[in-house]
Amino acid sequence: MIRYIFLTLLIVSNATAFSLFGSEKATDRTYVEAVRAMKEVVIATQKTRGLTNNYMNGNVVAQLLVYGERTEMKKAFENLKAICSSIENVPPEYRKRAKALMKEAARINKKAFRKKASEVFVVYTKIIEGWIALSTKIVKERFSQKDSTLYHALLFQTRMLLPLTENIGKMRGMGSGIVARGECRKVEVPNMLSFAEGIEKYRVETVKFLKAHPLVSKAQVKKLNAMLADYAALTKEKVIGKKKITLDPNKYFDQGTACISEVSKVYDAVSKTVDAALQ
């Protein structure tokens, strides 16, 4: 009888442990969904910032695109809120920070065209930096003690790929405004050089990481490397410090967008490794 009771308790205990483990995995997957949703928020905000700067520096064609991208930002916010609402016991600081960033984004969207282009650019940039910092914080606090492959893949996404998109986005945004105006002001040169150097830095580090950790195909790494190098080279040769710029601001902007899209493809490919670790 005692042996029977012991076996029953053992079975129940194992079943409970398995249930808790499964629940923990499910919660981890939802946190990953939230981190990915923040990435989409970042991409939409970057594009809004760039198009806004493009328009405010003379490219009137970009105005309607600004309104369209603001709508995409709102959709990204709603998706993130829906995901977060399904997670129990989310740390209050996460909710508070996300809410504050959304509020600030809504505020600048309404006031952008009534402010100086340079001021608007800075505000959007701070918001984007806030989202990247929050997503990285979640990854570190939620996953640092778990499977190392999972953790390092997530960290690669938030600490390398997202900052890479941000440097591209800043160069695309400020650069397209410069191209639309037709000349690069002296005060813009240091910032543009910093963005270009940032792309180069993260390009080299990304390629190095992916060679050491083959999470995507060699062809994909080669394509990304070439696209980033070409965009940085074009900017240095024909935009930074130049007068009488004859480039098409829309084409310049689109080339930056294509680079960010390629980074996003790498991000999505790495996500397959993350998903496999959470099965």
Protein backbone atom coordinates (compact mmCIF):
# COMPACT_ATOMS: atom_id res chain seq x y z
CA MET A 1 0.00 0.00 0.00
CA ILE A 2 2.80 2.42 0.96
CA ARG A 3 4.63 1.51 -2.25
CA TYR A 4 1.48 2.24 -4.26
CA ILE A 5 1.04 5.64 -2.59
CA PHE A 6 4.71 6.47 -3.23
CA LEU A 7 4.42 5.60 -6.94
CA THR A 8 1.24 7.65 -7.25
CA LEU A 9 2.89 10.66 -5.62
CA LEU A 10 5.90 10.27 -7.90
CA ILE A 11 3.72 10.19 -11.01
CA VAL A 12 1.74 13.23 -9.87
CA SER A 13 4.95 15.08 -9.03
CA ASN A 14 6.46 14.34 -12.45
CA ALA A 15 3.25 15.36 -14.21
CA THR A 16 3.16 18.63 -12.28
CA ALA A 17 6.79 19.35 -13.08
CA PHE A 18 6.19 18.62 -16.77
CA SER A 19 3.14 20.88 -16.75
CA LEU A 20 5.11 23.73 -15.16
CA PHE A 21 7.96 23.22 -17.62
CA GLY A 22 5.51 23.35 -20.53
CA SER A 23 3.92 26.47 -19.13
CA GLU A 24 7.33 28.10 -18.74
CA LYS A 25 8.18 27.29 -22.36
CA ALA A 26 4.87 28.75 -23.50
CA THR A 27 5.57 31.95 -21.57
CA ASP A 28 9.07 32.12 -23.07
CA ARG A 29 7.57 31.86 -26.55
CA THR A 30 5.20 34.73 -25.79
CA TYR A 31 8.07 36.89 -24.54
CA VAL A 32 9.90 36.16 -27.79
CA GLU A 33 6.79 37.21 -29.69
CA ALA A 34 6.81 40.47 -27.73
CA VAL A 35 10.48 41.08 -28.56
CA ARG A 36 9.74 40.48 -32.24
CA ALA A 37 6.76 42.81 -32.06
CA MET A 38 9.07 45.50 -30.68
CA LYS A 39 11.34 44.95 -33.66
CA GLU A 40 8.39 45.74 -35.95
CA VAL A 41 7.68 48.85 -33.89
CA VAL A 42 11.31 49.89 -34.34
CA ILE A 43 11.19 49.37 -38.12
CA ALA A 44 7.94 51.34 -38.48
CA THR A 45 9.25 54.19 -36.32
CA GLN A 46 12.49 54.33 -38.28
CA LYS A 47 10.57 54.61 -41.53
CA THR A 48 8.27 57.30 -40.11
CA ARG A 49 11.30 59.29 -38.94
CA GLY A 50 13.01 59.01 -42.31
CA LEU A 51 9.98 59.91 -44.40
CA THR A 52 9.18 62.83 -42.10
CA ASN A 53 12.70 64.21 -42.47
CA ASN A 54 12.54 63.62 -46.22
CA TYR A 55 9.30 65.60 -46.50
CA MET A 56 10.38 68.40 -44.17
CA ASN A 57 13.49 68.99 -46.28
CA GLY A 58 11.56 69.55 -49.49
CA ASN A 59 10.39 66.21 -50.89
CA VAL A 60 6.64 66.89 -50.93
CA VAL A 61 5.96 63.45 -52.42
CA ALA A 62 6.86 61.90 -49.05
CA GLN A 63 4.01 63.53 -47.11
CA LEU A 64 1.37 60.91 -47.90
CA LEU A 65 3.91 58.19 -47.16
CA VAL A 66 4.44 59.70 -43.70
CA TYR A 67 0.74 59.34 -42.88
CA GLY A 68 0.75 55.77 -44.16
CA GLU A 69 3.72 54.83 -42.01
CA ARG A 70 2.16 56.40 -38.93
CA THR A 71 -0.75 54.03 -39.48
CA GLU A 72 1.72 51.14 -39.62
CA MET A 73 3.19 52.33 -36.32
CA LYS A 74 -0.26 52.23 -34.71
CA LYS A 75 -0.83 48.70 -36.01
CA ALA A 76 2.54 47.63 -34.60
CA PHE A 77 1.60 49.15 -31.23
CA GLU A 78 -1.74 47.31 -31.15
CA ASN A 79 -0.06 44.02 -32.00
CA LEU A 80 2.50 44.50 -29.22
CA LYS A 81 -0.20 45.39 -26.69
CA ALA A 82 -2.21 42.29 -27.64
CA ILE A 83 0.81 40.04 -27.14
CA CYS A 84 1.76 41.61 -23.81
CA SER A 85 -1.80 41.33 -22.50
CA SER A 86 -1.55 37.55 -22.84
CA ILE A 87 1.50 37.34 -20.54
CA GLU A 88 0.80 36.92 -16.85
CA ASN A 89 2.84 38.82 -14.28
CA VAL A 90 4.70 41.05 -16.72
CA PRO A 91 7.14 43.21 -14.69
CA PRO A 92 5.46 46.62 -14.17
CA GLU A 93 8.57 48.41 -15.41
CA TYR A 94 8.17 46.74 -18.84
CA ARG A 95 4.57 47.90 -19.18
CA LYS A 96 5.40 51.38 -17.88
CA ARG A 97 8.29 51.84 -20.29
CA ALA A 98 6.37 50.53 -23.30
CA LYS A 99 3.39 52.74 -22.50
CA ALA A 100 5.64 55.81 -22.16
CA LEU A 101 7.32 55.12 -25.51
CA MET A 102 3.98 54.70 -27.27
CA LYS A 103 2.70 57.92 -25.72
CA GLU A 104 5.79 59.83 -26.81
CA ALA A 105 5.49 58.44 -30.35
CA ALA A 106 1.85 59.51 -30.58
CA ARG A 107 2.80 62.97 -29.33
CA ILE A 108 5.57 63.56 -31.88
CA ASN A 109 3.42 62.17 -34.70
CA LYS A 110 0.87 64.91 -34.01
CA LYS A 111 3.39 67.74 -33.65
CA ALA A 112 6.12 66.74 -36.11
CA PHE A 113 5.24 69.08 -38.97
CA ARG A 114 5.09 72.07 -36.62
CA LYS A 115 8.62 71.57 -35.31
CA LYS A 116 12.11 71.81 -36.77
CA ALA A 117 13.11 68.78 -38.81
CA SER A 118 16.30 68.28 -36.79
CA GLU A 119 14.38 68.31 -33.48
CA VAL A 120 11.83 65.81 -34.77
CA PHE A 121 14.62 63.51 -35.94
CA VAL A 122 16.17 63.50 -32.46
CA VAL A 123 12.85 62.72 -30.74
CA TYR A 124 12.11 59.75 -32.99
CA THR A 125 15.67 58.52 -32.50
CA LYS A 126 15.34 58.57 -28.71
CA ILE A 127 12.08 56.62 -28.97
CA ILE A 128 13.72 53.99 -31.17
CA GLU A 129 16.68 53.71 -28.80
CA GLY A 130 14.18 53.20 -25.98
CA TRP A 131 12.55 50.26 -27.78
CA ILE A 132 15.90 48.64 -28.54
CA ALA A 133 16.98 49.04 -24.92
CA LEU A 134 13.71 47.56 -23.64
CA SER A 135 13.84 44.54 -25.93
CA THR A 136 17.47 43.90 -24.95
CA LYS A 137 16.58 44.21 -21.25
CA ILE A 138 13.81 41.62 -21.64
CA VAL A 139 16.14 39.21 -23.43
CA LYS A 140 18.83 39.56 -20.75
CA GLU A 141 16.48 39.25 -17.78
CA ARG A 142 14.27 36.49 -19.17
CA PHE A 143 16.72 34.30 -21.09
CA SER A 144 20.27 34.77 -19.78
CA GLN A 145 20.01 31.72 -17.51
CA LYS A 146 18.47 29.48 -20.16
CA ASP A 147 19.74 27.58 -23.20
CA SER A 148 22.89 29.35 -24.38
CA THR A 149 22.10 28.93 -28.09
CA LEU A 150 18.68 30.51 -27.54
CA TYR A 151 20.08 33.36 -25.46
CA HIS A 152 22.93 34.25 -27.81
CA ALA A 153 20.64 34.12 -30.85
CA LEU A 154 18.21 36.51 -29.17
CA LEU A 155 21.02 38.76 -28.00
CA PHE A 156 22.45 38.83 -31.53
CA GLN A 157 19.08 40.01 -32.79
CA THR A 158 18.58 42.75 -30.21
CA ARG A 159 22.15 43.96 -29.65
CA MET A 160 23.53 43.67 -33.17
CA LEU A 161 20.83 43.40 -35.84
CA LEU A 162 18.50 46.04 -34.38
CA PRO A 163 21.33 48.59 -33.86
CA LEU A 164 22.41 47.82 -37.43
CA THR A 165 18.93 48.67 -38.73
CA GLU A 166 19.02 51.83 -36.61
CA ASN A 167 22.28 53.07 -38.11
CA ILE A 168 20.93 52.36 -41.58
CA GLY A 169 17.67 54.05 -40.65
CA LYS A 170 19.41 57.16 -39.32
CA MET A 171 21.61 57.44 -42.40
CA ARG A 172 18.62 56.81 -44.69
CA GLY A 173 16.46 59.33 -42.84
CA MET A 174 18.94 62.18 -42.55
CA GLY A 175 20.54 61.37 -45.87
CA SER A 176 17.29 61.42 -47.83
CA GLY A 177 16.53 64.84 -46.33
CA ILE A 178 19.96 66.06 -47.44
CA VAL A 179 19.43 64.65 -50.94
CA ALA A 180 15.95 66.21 -51.14
CA ARG A 181 17.47 69.59 -50.20
CA GLY A 182 20.34 69.14 -52.66
CA GLU A 183 23.24 69.86 -50.32
CA CYS A 184 24.77 68.59 -47.09
CA ARG A 185 25.15 71.18 -44.36
CA LYS A 186 28.38 71.33 -42.40
CA VAL A 187 26.59 70.52 -39.14
CA GLU A 188 25.23 67.30 -40.66
CA VAL A 189 28.61 65.91 -41.71
CA PRO A 190 29.68 64.51 -38.28
CA ASN A 191 26.31 62.78 -37.79
CA MET A 192 26.28 61.27 -41.26
CA LEU A 193 29.85 60.04 -40.87
CA SER A 194 28.91 58.53 -37.52
CA PHE A 195 25.95 56.68 -39.08
CA ALA A 196 28.08 55.37 -41.94
CA GLU A 197 30.79 54.23 -39.53
CA GLY A 198 28.12 52.59 -37.37
CA ILE A 199 26.90 50.60 -40.36
CA GLU A 200 30.45 49.54 -41.14
CA LYS A 201 31.05 48.51 -37.53
CA TYR A 202 27.90 46.41 -37.24
CA ARG A 203 28.34 45.04 -40.75
CA VAL A 204 31.76 43.64 -39.88
CA GLU A 205 30.58 42.30 -36.50
CA THR A 206 27.46 40.73 -38.01
CA VAL A 207 29.41 38.95 -40.75
CA LYS A 208 31.99 37.77 -38.20
CA PHE A 209 29.27 36.41 -35.90
CA LEU A 210 27.44 34.62 -38.70
CA LYS A 211 30.64 33.01 -39.96
CA ALA A 212 31.33 31.68 -36.46
CA HIS A 213 27.66 30.75 -35.95
CA PRO A 214 26.20 29.69 -39.32
CA LEU A 215 22.58 30.54 -38.52
CA VAL A 216 21.89 31.67 -42.10
CA SER A 217 23.22 30.66 -45.52
CA LYS A 218 26.56 31.91 -46.83
CA ALA A 219 24.74 33.42 -49.81
CA GLN A 220 22.52 35.46 -47.49
CA VAL A 221 25.52 36.73 -45.52
CA LYS A 222 27.32 37.66 -48.76
CA LYS A 223 24.30 39.57 -50.09
CA LEU A 224 23.81 41.49 -46.83
CA ASN A 225 27.49 42.35 -46.65
CA ALA A 226 27.53 43.71 -50.22
CA MET A 227 24.32 45.75 -49.84
CA LEU A 228 25.49 47.45 -46.65
CA ALA A 229 28.95 48.19 -48.05
CA ASP A 230 27.44 49.69 -51.23
CA TYR A 231 25.01 51.94 -49.34
CA ALA A 232 27.71 53.24 -47.00
CA ALA A 233 30.06 53.83 -49.93
CA LEU A 234 27.40 55.69 -51.94
CA THR A 235 26.66 57.93 -48.96
CA LYS A 236 30.30 58.77 -48.35
CA GLU A 237 31.04 59.43 -52.01
CA LYS A 238 27.94 61.35 -53.10
CA VAL A 239 26.12 62.69 -50.04
CA ILE A 240 28.29 63.52 -47.03
CA GLY A 241 29.72 67.03 -47.30
CA LYS A 242 28.51 67.42 -50.90
CA LYS A 243 26.83 70.35 -52.62
CA LYS A 244 24.60 70.20 -55.71
CA ILE A 245 23.60 66.61 -54.97
CA THR A 246 21.77 65.11 -57.94
CA LEU A 247 20.64 61.79 -56.46
CA ASP A 248 16.93 60.96 -56.35
CA PRO A 249 15.83 61.24 -52.66
CA ASN A 250 13.19 58.54 -53.12
CA LYS A 251 15.68 56.10 -54.67
CA TYR A 252 18.23 56.88 -51.96
CA PHE A 253 15.58 56.25 -49.30
CA ASP A 254 14.46 53.03 -50.98
CA GLN A 255 18.04 51.73 -51.12
CA GLY A 256 18.27 52.18 -47.35
CA THR A 257 14.92 50.45 -46.93
CA ALA A 258 16.19 47.53 -49.03
CA CYS A 259 19.20 47.23 -46.69
CA ILE A 260 16.94 47.19 -43.62
CA SER A 261 14.73 44.58 -45.30
CA GLU A 262 17.77 42.40 -45.88
CA VAL A 263 18.76 42.72 -42.22
CA SER A 264 15.18 41.75 -41.32
CA LYS A 265 15.51 38.62 -43.47
CA VAL A 266 18.59 37.64 -41.49
CA TYR A 267 16.68 38.40 -38.27
CA ASP A 268 13.85 36.10 -39.41
CA ALA A 269 16.30 33.36 -40.37
CA VAL A 270 17.90 33.51 -36.90
CA SER A 271 14.39 33.32 -35.44
CA LYS A 272 14.15 29.75 -36.74
CA THR A 273 16.97 28.79 -34.35
CA VAL A 274 15.16 30.56 -31.54
CA ASP A 275 11.90 28.76 -32.32
CA ALA A 276 13.63 25.39 -32.44
CA ALA A 277 15.13 25.98 -28.98
CA LEU A 278 11.66 26.76 -27.60
CA GLN A 279 9.96 23.60 -28.85
